[in-house]
Amino acid sequence: MKSIVLIGMPGAGKSTIGKLLSDKLNLAFVDTDRLIEHEIKQSIQNYLDVNGYLKLRSIEEKVILRENIENKVIATGGSAVYSEQSMNHLGKKAKIIFLNVDQNEIEKRITNFATRGITKRPGQSFSSLFKERQKLYMKYFDYKVDTTPLTIDATLKLVEKIAQS
């Protein structure tokens, strides 16, 4: 079985689905945001506040490129798709599944946009960020799951079916 990489916006459920899927498939689970925080020894938001989004993306790329991705379920940070190198690395040995959630639903789920540690340009609106990232997610996915109307269990079942195909 290939590894599974989950991509999508913050609030799409990558970490939640990833952990549940890893348990079901008996694979290791990796959350790249946690790897980044381990690397920088602080929260992503604190790092962003001091160093900016471009430096964080650079660290994110470094962390992803050195990660052995075999036999794992990997929940990426929402900004992993900005790095072509990272996405190529992940795509070599994994199925990339895009957890697609519509903008209105993400806005309901993300109530702390300014403090959540979301990598964006200074002053960039959520709408602008969403549109920008949607294009990148569409570029890199192998499978797309439209999760807006789905429960966590229904999403998990679909993703598990893809993982086992």
N, C-alpha and C. Protein backbone atom coordinates (compact mmCIF):
# COMPACT_ATOMS: atom_id res chain seq x y z
N MET A 1 0.84 -1.19 0.00
CA MET A 1 0.00 0.00 0.00
C MET A 1 0.88 1.25 0.00
N LYS A 2 0.52 2.18 -0.87
CA LYS A 2 1.23 3.45 -0.86
C LYS A 2 0.86 4.25 0.39
N SER A 3 1.73 5.14 0.75
CA SER A 3 1.41 6.06 1.82
C SER A 3 0.29 6.99 1.36
N ILE A 4 -0.31 7.68 2.31
CA ILE A 4 -1.40 8.61 2.02
C ILE A 4 -0.99 9.98 2.49
N VAL A 5 -1.14 10.98 1.62
CA VAL A 5 -0.88 12.37 1.97
C VAL A 5 -2.19 13.13 1.82
N LEU A 6 -2.56 13.85 2.87
CA LEU A 6 -3.78 14.66 2.84
C LEU A 6 -3.41 16.13 2.66
N ILE A 7 -4.03 16.75 1.69
CA ILE A 7 -3.84 18.18 1.46
C ILE A 7 -5.19 18.87 1.54
N GLY A 8 -5.17 20.16 1.78
CA GLY A 8 -6.39 20.95 1.84
C GLY A 8 -6.22 22.13 2.76
N MET A 9 -7.23 22.94 2.80
CA MET A 9 -7.21 24.15 3.61
C MET A 9 -7.16 23.82 5.10
N PRO A 10 -6.66 24.77 5.91
CA PRO A 10 -6.79 24.62 7.35
C PRO A 10 -8.29 24.45 7.67
N GLY A 11 -8.60 23.52 8.55
CA GLY A 11 -9.99 23.28 8.90
C GLY A 11 -10.67 22.24 8.02
N ALA A 12 -9.95 21.70 7.04
CA ALA A 12 -10.54 20.69 6.15
C ALA A 12 -10.64 19.32 6.81
N GLY A 13 -9.91 19.12 7.89
CA GLY A 13 -9.96 17.85 8.60
C GLY A 13 -8.78 16.93 8.35
N LYS A 14 -7.70 17.48 7.82
CA LYS A 14 -6.54 16.65 7.48
C LYS A 14 -5.97 15.91 8.70
N SER A 15 -5.79 16.61 9.79
CA SER A 15 -5.22 15.99 10.99
C SER A 15 -6.21 14.99 11.60
N THR A 16 -7.46 15.35 11.68
CA THR A 16 -8.47 14.47 12.25
C THR A 16 -8.61 13.19 11.43
N ILE A 17 -8.82 13.34 10.14
CA ILE A 17 -8.97 12.18 9.25
C ILE A 17 -7.66 11.39 9.19
N GLY A 18 -6.54 12.10 9.14
CA GLY A 18 -5.24 11.44 9.06
C GLY A 18 -4.98 10.51 10.24
N LYS A 19 -5.26 11.00 11.44
CA LYS A 19 -5.03 10.18 12.64
C LYS A 19 -5.96 8.97 12.64
N LEU A 20 -7.22 9.18 12.34
CA LEU A 20 -8.18 8.07 12.31
C LEU A 20 -7.80 7.05 11.23
N LEU A 21 -7.39 7.54 10.07
CA LEU A 21 -7.00 6.66 8.97
C LEU A 21 -5.75 5.86 9.33
N SER A 22 -4.79 6.50 9.94
CA SER A 22 -3.56 5.79 10.31
C SER A 22 -3.87 4.66 11.30
N ASP A 23 -4.78 4.90 12.21
CA ASP A 23 -5.19 3.85 13.15
C ASP A 23 -5.85 2.69 12.42
N LYS A 24 -6.73 3.00 11.49
CA LYS A 24 -7.44 1.95 10.74
C LYS A 24 -6.50 1.13 9.87
N LEU A 25 -5.52 1.80 9.27
CA LEU A 25 -4.62 1.12 8.34
C LEU A 25 -3.34 0.61 9.01
N ASN A 26 -3.22 0.90 10.29
CA ASN A 26 -2.02 0.51 11.05
C ASN A 26 -0.75 1.08 10.42
N LEU A 27 -0.82 2.36 10.10
CA LEU A 27 0.33 3.09 9.56
C LEU A 27 0.70 4.20 10.53
N ALA A 28 1.95 4.62 10.48
CA ALA A 28 2.39 5.76 11.30
C ALA A 28 1.67 7.02 10.82
N PHE A 29 1.43 7.93 11.74
CA PHE A 29 0.79 9.21 11.41
C PHE A 29 1.78 10.34 11.60
N VAL A 30 1.85 11.22 10.62
CA VAL A 30 2.72 12.40 10.69
C VAL A 30 1.88 13.63 10.36
N ASP A 31 1.97 14.63 11.22
CA ASP A 31 1.34 15.92 10.97
C ASP A 31 2.49 16.89 10.73
N THR A 32 2.62 17.39 9.51
CA THR A 32 3.79 18.22 9.20
C THR A 32 3.81 19.52 10.00
N ASP A 33 2.65 20.01 10.41
CA ASP A 33 2.66 21.20 11.27
C ASP A 33 3.36 20.92 12.59
N ARG A 34 3.15 19.71 13.14
CA ARG A 34 3.83 19.35 14.39
C ARG A 34 5.33 19.21 14.15
N LEU A 35 5.73 18.67 12.98
CA LEU A 35 7.16 18.58 12.66
C LEU A 35 7.79 19.97 12.58
N ILE A 36 7.06 20.89 11.99
CA ILE A 36 7.56 22.27 11.87
C ILE A 36 7.72 22.88 13.26
N GLU A 37 6.72 22.71 14.11
CA GLU A 37 6.81 23.28 15.46
C GLU A 37 7.97 22.66 16.25
N HIS A 38 8.21 21.39 16.04
CA HIS A 38 9.36 20.75 16.68
C HIS A 38 10.67 21.37 16.16
N GLU A 39 10.72 21.63 14.89
CA GLU A 39 11.90 22.21 14.26
C GLU A 39 12.16 23.63 14.77
N ILE A 40 11.11 24.45 14.86
CA ILE A 40 11.28 25.85 15.23
C ILE A 40 11.17 26.09 16.74
N LYS A 41 10.76 25.05 17.46
CA LYS A 41 10.66 25.09 18.93
C LYS A 41 9.74 26.19 19.44
N GLN A 42 8.66 26.41 18.69
CA GLN A 42 7.62 27.36 19.09
C GLN A 42 6.40 27.11 18.21
N SER A 43 5.34 27.82 18.50
CA SER A 43 4.13 27.65 17.68
C SER A 43 4.36 28.28 16.30
N ILE A 44 3.64 27.77 15.35
CA ILE A 44 3.73 28.33 13.99
C ILE A 44 3.34 29.80 14.00
N GLN A 45 2.29 30.15 14.73
CA GLN A 45 1.85 31.55 14.78
C GLN A 45 2.93 32.46 15.34
N ASN A 46 3.58 32.05 16.43
CA ASN A 46 4.67 32.87 16.99
C ASN A 46 5.78 33.07 15.98
N TYR A 47 6.14 31.99 15.29
CA TYR A 47 7.20 32.07 14.29
C TYR A 47 6.79 33.02 13.16
N LEU A 48 5.55 32.87 12.69
CA LEU A 48 5.06 33.75 11.62
C LEU A 48 5.11 35.22 12.04
N ASP A 49 4.68 35.48 13.25
CA ASP A 49 4.63 36.86 13.75
C ASP A 49 6.00 37.53 13.71
N VAL A 50 7.06 36.77 13.96
CA VAL A 50 8.40 37.32 14.02
C VAL A 50 9.13 37.24 12.68
N ASN A 51 8.98 36.11 11.98
CA ASN A 51 9.81 35.83 10.81
C ASN A 51 9.11 35.92 9.46
N GLY A 52 7.80 35.90 9.45
CA GLY A 52 7.07 36.03 8.20
C GLY A 52 6.79 34.71 7.50
N TYR A 53 5.87 34.78 6.56
CA TYR A 53 5.37 33.57 5.90
C TYR A 53 6.38 32.91 4.97
N LEU A 54 7.26 33.67 4.33
CA LEU A 54 8.21 33.07 3.39
C LEU A 54 9.24 32.21 4.12
N LYS A 55 9.70 32.68 5.28
CA LYS A 55 10.65 31.87 6.05
C LYS A 55 9.98 30.60 6.56
N LEU A 56 8.72 30.71 6.96
CA LEU A 56 8.02 29.52 7.43
C LEU A 56 7.85 28.52 6.29
N ARG A 57 7.50 28.99 5.12
CA ARG A 57 7.37 28.07 3.97
C ARG A 57 8.68 27.37 3.67
N SER A 58 9.78 28.08 3.83
CA SER A 58 11.10 27.48 3.61
C SER A 58 11.36 26.35 4.61
N ILE A 59 11.02 26.58 5.86
CA ILE A 59 11.18 25.54 6.88
C ILE A 59 10.24 24.38 6.60
N GLU A 60 9.02 24.68 6.21
CA GLU A 60 8.06 23.63 5.88
C GLU A 60 8.60 22.74 4.77
N GLU A 61 9.16 23.35 3.74
CA GLU A 61 9.74 22.58 2.63
C GLU A 61 10.88 21.69 3.13
N LYS A 62 11.76 22.25 3.94
CA LYS A 62 12.91 21.49 4.46
C LYS A 62 12.44 20.28 5.28
N VAL A 63 11.45 20.50 6.13
CA VAL A 63 10.93 19.43 6.98
C VAL A 63 10.30 18.33 6.14
N ILE A 64 9.53 18.70 5.14
CA ILE A 64 8.87 17.71 4.28
C ILE A 64 9.89 16.94 3.46
N LEU A 65 10.87 17.63 2.91
CA LEU A 65 11.84 16.96 2.05
C LEU A 65 12.71 15.95 2.79
N ARG A 66 12.93 16.15 4.07
CA ARG A 66 13.76 15.20 4.80
C ARG A 66 12.94 14.07 5.44
N GLU A 67 11.63 14.16 5.35
CA GLU A 67 10.77 13.15 5.96
C GLU A 67 10.71 11.89 5.10
N ASN A 68 10.98 10.75 5.72
CA ASN A 68 10.77 9.46 5.06
C ASN A 68 9.26 9.23 5.05
N ILE A 69 8.68 9.15 3.89
CA ILE A 69 7.23 9.11 3.82
C ILE A 69 6.66 7.70 3.63
N GLU A 70 7.50 6.70 3.68
CA GLU A 70 7.00 5.34 3.44
C GLU A 70 6.17 4.83 4.60
N ASN A 71 5.07 4.15 4.26
CA ASN A 71 4.19 3.51 5.24
C ASN A 71 3.65 4.49 6.27
N LYS A 72 3.17 5.62 5.79
CA LYS A 72 2.65 6.65 6.69
C LYS A 72 1.39 7.28 6.12
N VAL A 73 0.64 7.87 7.01
CA VAL A 73 -0.42 8.80 6.65
C VAL A 73 0.10 10.16 7.07
N ILE A 74 0.14 11.08 6.12
CA ILE A 74 0.73 12.39 6.37
C ILE A 74 -0.31 13.48 6.17
N ALA A 75 -0.56 14.24 7.22
CA ALA A 75 -1.42 15.42 7.14
C ALA A 75 -0.50 16.61 6.95
N THR A 76 -0.60 17.26 5.81
CA THR A 76 0.26 18.41 5.53
C THR A 76 -0.37 19.68 6.07
N GLY A 77 0.47 20.68 6.29
CA GLY A 77 -0.04 22.01 6.54
C GLY A 77 -0.68 22.51 5.26
N GLY A 78 -1.63 23.41 5.38
CA GLY A 78 -2.35 23.90 4.21
C GLY A 78 -1.47 24.55 3.17
N SER A 79 -0.27 24.98 3.57
CA SER A 79 0.61 25.69 2.64
C SER A 79 1.67 24.80 1.99
N ALA A 80 1.65 23.51 2.26
CA ALA A 80 2.66 22.61 1.68
C ALA A 80 2.66 22.67 0.16
N VAL A 81 1.51 22.96 -0.42
CA VAL A 81 1.37 22.97 -1.89
C VAL A 81 2.09 24.13 -2.57
N TYR A 82 2.62 25.06 -1.80
CA TYR A 82 3.40 26.14 -2.40
C TYR A 82 4.78 25.66 -2.85
N SER A 83 5.20 24.51 -2.38
CA SER A 83 6.51 23.98 -2.73
C SER A 83 6.36 22.82 -3.72
N GLU A 84 6.76 23.06 -4.95
CA GLU A 84 6.72 22.01 -5.96
C GLU A 84 7.63 20.85 -5.57
N GLN A 85 8.79 21.17 -5.00
CA GLN A 85 9.71 20.12 -4.55
C GLN A 85 9.05 19.23 -3.48
N SER A 86 8.40 19.84 -2.52
CA SER A 86 7.74 19.07 -1.47
C SER A 86 6.66 18.17 -2.05
N MET A 87 5.85 18.72 -2.93
CA MET A 87 4.75 17.94 -3.49
C MET A 87 5.26 16.81 -4.38
N ASN A 88 6.34 17.04 -5.10
CA ASN A 88 6.94 15.97 -5.90
C ASN A 88 7.49 14.87 -4.99
N HIS A 89 8.14 15.26 -3.90
CA HIS A 89 8.66 14.30 -2.93
C HIS A 89 7.53 13.45 -2.36
N LEU A 90 6.45 14.09 -1.95
CA LEU A 90 5.32 13.38 -1.37
C LEU A 90 4.63 12.48 -2.39
N GLY A 91 4.53 12.97 -3.61
CA GLY A 91 3.82 12.23 -4.64
C GLY A 91 4.55 11.00 -5.17
N LYS A 92 5.85 10.90 -4.91
CA LYS A 92 6.62 9.75 -5.41
C LYS A 92 6.17 8.44 -4.78
N LYS A 93 5.82 8.46 -3.51
CA LYS A 93 5.51 7.21 -2.81
C LYS A 93 4.18 7.27 -2.09
N ALA A 94 3.33 8.21 -2.47
CA ALA A 94 2.05 8.36 -1.76
C ALA A 94 0.93 8.74 -2.71
N LYS A 95 -0.26 8.38 -2.31
CA LYS A 95 -1.46 8.88 -2.96
C LYS A 95 -1.78 10.21 -2.29
N ILE A 96 -1.97 11.24 -3.08
CA ILE A 96 -2.28 12.55 -2.53
C ILE A 96 -3.79 12.77 -2.65
N ILE A 97 -4.41 12.92 -1.50
CA ILE A 97 -5.86 13.09 -1.43
C ILE A 97 -6.17 14.52 -0.97
N PHE A 98 -6.93 15.21 -1.78
CA PHE A 98 -7.34 16.58 -1.50
C PHE A 98 -8.68 16.54 -0.78
N LEU A 99 -8.69 16.96 0.49
CA LEU A 99 -9.93 17.09 1.23
C LEU A 99 -10.49 18.48 0.92
N ASN A 100 -11.42 18.51 0.00
CA ASN A 100 -11.97 19.77 -0.48
C ASN A 100 -13.19 20.17 0.36
N VAL A 101 -13.16 21.36 0.88
CA VAL A 101 -14.27 21.91 1.65
C VAL A 101 -14.55 23.29 1.07
N ASP A 102 -15.83 23.63 0.88
CA ASP A 102 -16.11 24.93 0.28
C ASP A 102 -15.77 26.06 1.25
N GLN A 103 -15.58 27.23 0.68
CA GLN A 103 -15.09 28.38 1.43
C GLN A 103 -16.00 28.74 2.60
N ASN A 104 -17.31 28.73 2.39
CA ASN A 104 -18.22 29.10 3.48
C ASN A 104 -18.08 28.16 4.68
N GLU A 105 -17.94 26.88 4.40
CA GLU A 105 -17.79 25.91 5.49
C GLU A 105 -16.46 26.10 6.23
N ILE A 106 -15.40 26.35 5.48
CA ILE A 106 -14.09 26.59 6.13
C ILE A 106 -14.18 27.83 7.02
N GLU A 107 -14.84 28.85 6.53
CA GLU A 107 -14.97 30.08 7.34
C GLU A 107 -15.75 29.83 8.61
N LYS A 108 -16.71 28.90 8.59
CA LYS A 108 -17.44 28.54 9.81
C LYS A 108 -16.52 27.80 10.78
N ARG A 109 -15.66 26.95 10.23
CA ARG A 109 -14.78 26.13 11.07
C ARG A 109 -13.60 26.91 11.64
N ILE A 110 -13.09 27.86 10.87
CA ILE A 110 -11.90 28.64 11.29
C ILE A 110 -12.39 29.96 11.86
N THR A 111 -12.45 30.03 13.16
CA THR A 111 -12.89 31.28 13.78
C THR A 111 -11.71 32.13 14.24
N ASN A 112 -10.52 31.55 14.15
CA ASN A 112 -9.31 32.25 14.62
C ASN A 112 -8.32 32.46 13.46
N PHE A 113 -8.81 32.95 12.35
CA PHE A 113 -8.00 33.12 11.14
C PHE A 113 -6.71 33.91 11.42
N ALA A 114 -6.79 34.94 12.22
CA ALA A 114 -5.63 35.81 12.46
C ALA A 114 -4.60 35.19 13.40
N THR A 115 -5.00 34.18 14.16
CA THR A 115 -4.08 33.63 15.16
C THR A 115 -3.84 32.13 15.03
N ARG A 116 -4.33 31.51 14.00
CA ARG A 116 -4.25 30.05 13.87
C ARG A 116 -2.90 29.57 13.33
N GLY A 117 -2.08 30.45 12.84
CA GLY A 117 -0.82 30.01 12.25
C GLY A 117 -0.97 29.69 10.78
N ILE A 118 -1.82 30.42 10.11
CA ILE A 118 -2.06 30.20 8.69
C ILE A 118 -1.06 31.03 7.89
N THR A 119 -0.32 30.34 7.03
CA THR A 119 0.72 31.00 6.24
C THR A 119 0.07 31.78 5.11
N LYS A 120 0.17 33.11 5.20
CA LYS A 120 -0.42 33.98 4.18
C LYS A 120 0.37 35.28 4.12
N ARG A 121 0.17 35.98 3.02
CA ARG A 121 0.81 37.29 2.87
C ARG A 121 0.20 38.27 3.88
N PRO A 122 0.98 39.24 4.35
CA PRO A 122 0.42 40.24 5.26
C PRO A 122 -0.79 40.93 4.62
N GLY A 123 -1.87 40.99 5.36
CA GLY A 123 -3.07 41.66 4.88
C GLY A 123 -3.92 40.83 3.91
N GLN A 124 -3.48 39.64 3.57
CA GLN A 124 -4.23 38.83 2.62
C GLN A 124 -5.55 38.36 3.24
N SER A 125 -6.62 38.52 2.50
CA SER A 125 -7.93 38.10 3.00
C SER A 125 -8.06 36.58 2.91
N PHE A 126 -9.00 36.05 3.68
CA PHE A 126 -9.24 34.62 3.63
C PHE A 126 -9.72 34.21 2.25
N SER A 127 -10.58 35.00 1.67
CA SER A 127 -11.11 34.70 0.34
C SER A 127 -10.00 34.61 -0.71
N SER A 128 -9.09 35.55 -0.68
CA SER A 128 -7.95 35.56 -1.60
C SER A 128 -7.07 34.33 -1.38
N LEU A 129 -6.80 34.01 -0.13
CA LEU A 129 -5.98 32.85 0.20
C LEU A 129 -6.66 31.56 -0.28
N PHE A 130 -7.95 31.46 -0.04
CA PHE A 130 -8.70 30.27 -0.44
C PHE A 130 -8.60 30.07 -1.95
N LYS A 131 -8.85 31.10 -2.72
CA LYS A 131 -8.80 31.00 -4.19
C LYS A 131 -7.40 30.64 -4.67
N GLU A 132 -6.40 31.26 -4.08
CA GLU A 132 -5.01 31.00 -4.45
C GLU A 132 -4.64 29.53 -4.20
N ARG A 133 -5.01 29.03 -3.04
CA ARG A 133 -4.65 27.66 -2.69
C ARG A 133 -5.46 26.62 -3.46
N GLN A 134 -6.71 26.91 -3.75
CA GLN A 134 -7.53 25.94 -4.49
C GLN A 134 -6.84 25.55 -5.80
N LYS A 135 -6.26 26.50 -6.48
CA LYS A 135 -5.56 26.22 -7.74
C LYS A 135 -4.39 25.26 -7.50
N LEU A 136 -3.68 25.44 -6.40
CA LEU A 136 -2.54 24.58 -6.10
C LEU A 136 -2.99 23.18 -5.68
N TYR A 137 -4.03 23.11 -4.87
CA TYR A 137 -4.54 21.78 -4.49
C TYR A 137 -4.98 21.01 -5.73
N MET A 138 -5.62 21.70 -6.66
CA MET A 138 -6.09 21.06 -7.89
C MET A 138 -4.92 20.58 -8.75
N LYS A 139 -3.80 21.23 -8.63
CA LYS A 139 -2.62 20.85 -9.41
C LYS A 139 -2.00 19.54 -8.92
N TYR A 140 -2.08 19.28 -7.63
CA TYR A 140 -1.28 18.19 -7.06
C TYR A 140 -2.06 16.94 -6.63
N PHE A 141 -3.37 16.97 -6.59
CA PHE A 141 -4.05 15.82 -6.02
C PHE A 141 -4.12 14.64 -7.00
N ASP A 142 -4.15 13.43 -6.42
CA ASP A 142 -4.46 12.21 -7.17
C ASP A 142 -5.93 11.89 -7.04
N TYR A 143 -6.50 12.20 -5.87
CA TYR A 143 -7.91 11.96 -5.58
C TYR A 143 -8.46 13.17 -4.85
N LYS A 144 -9.69 13.51 -5.16
CA LYS A 144 -10.34 14.65 -4.51
C LYS A 144 -11.60 14.14 -3.83
N VAL A 145 -11.76 14.49 -2.56
CA VAL A 145 -12.94 14.13 -1.80
C VAL A 145 -13.63 15.42 -1.37
N ASP A 146 -14.83 15.64 -1.88
CA ASP A 146 -15.59 16.83 -1.50
C ASP A 146 -16.28 16.53 -0.17
N THR A 147 -15.72 17.09 0.88
CA THR A 147 -16.15 16.72 2.23
C THR A 147 -17.16 17.68 2.85
N THR A 148 -17.51 18.76 2.18
CA THR A 148 -18.39 19.76 2.78
C THR A 148 -19.65 19.15 3.38
N PRO A 149 -20.37 18.29 2.65
CA PRO A 149 -21.61 17.77 3.23
C PRO A 149 -21.43 16.51 4.08
N LEU A 150 -20.19 16.04 4.24
CA LEU A 150 -19.95 14.74 4.86
C LEU A 150 -19.61 14.84 6.34
N THR A 151 -19.97 13.80 7.07
CA THR A 151 -19.54 13.67 8.46
C THR A 151 -18.08 13.19 8.46
N ILE A 152 -17.47 13.21 9.63
CA ILE A 152 -16.11 12.69 9.76
C ILE A 152 -16.10 11.21 9.38
N ASP A 153 -17.07 10.44 9.86
CA ASP A 153 -17.11 9.01 9.55
C ASP A 153 -17.26 8.75 8.05
N ALA A 154 -18.13 9.50 7.40
CA ALA A 154 -18.32 9.32 5.95
C ALA A 154 -17.05 9.69 5.19
N THR A 155 -16.40 10.76 5.61
CA THR A 155 -15.14 11.16 4.96
C THR A 155 -14.09 10.08 5.17
N LEU A 156 -13.99 9.58 6.38
CA LEU A 156 -13.01 8.54 6.69
C LEU A 156 -13.24 7.30 5.81
N LYS A 157 -14.48 6.89 5.65
CA LYS A 157 -14.79 5.71 4.83
C LYS A 157 -14.35 5.93 3.39
N LEU A 158 -14.62 7.11 2.83
CA LEU A 158 -14.21 7.39 1.45
C LEU A 158 -12.70 7.39 1.30
N VAL A 159 -12.01 8.04 2.23
CA VAL A 159 -10.56 8.13 2.18
C VAL A 159 -9.94 6.74 2.38
N GLU A 160 -10.51 5.95 3.26
CA GLU A 160 -10.00 4.60 3.48
C GLU A 160 -10.16 3.75 2.22
N LYS A 161 -11.27 3.91 1.54
CA LYS A 161 -11.51 3.17 0.30
C LYS A 161 -10.46 3.55 -0.76
N ILE A 162 -10.16 4.83 -0.86
CA ILE A 162 -9.13 5.30 -1.81
C ILE A 162 -7.77 4.72 -1.40
N ALA A 163 -7.47 4.77 -0.12
CA ALA A 163 -6.17 4.29 0.37
C ALA A 163 -5.97 2.82 0.04
N GLN A 164 -7.03 2.05 0.08
CA GLN A 164 -6.92 0.61 -0.13
C GLN A 164 -7.09 0.20 -1.58
N SER A 165 -7.36 1.16 -2.45
CA SER A 165 -7.56 0.83 -3.87
C SER A 165 -6.23 0.71 -4.60
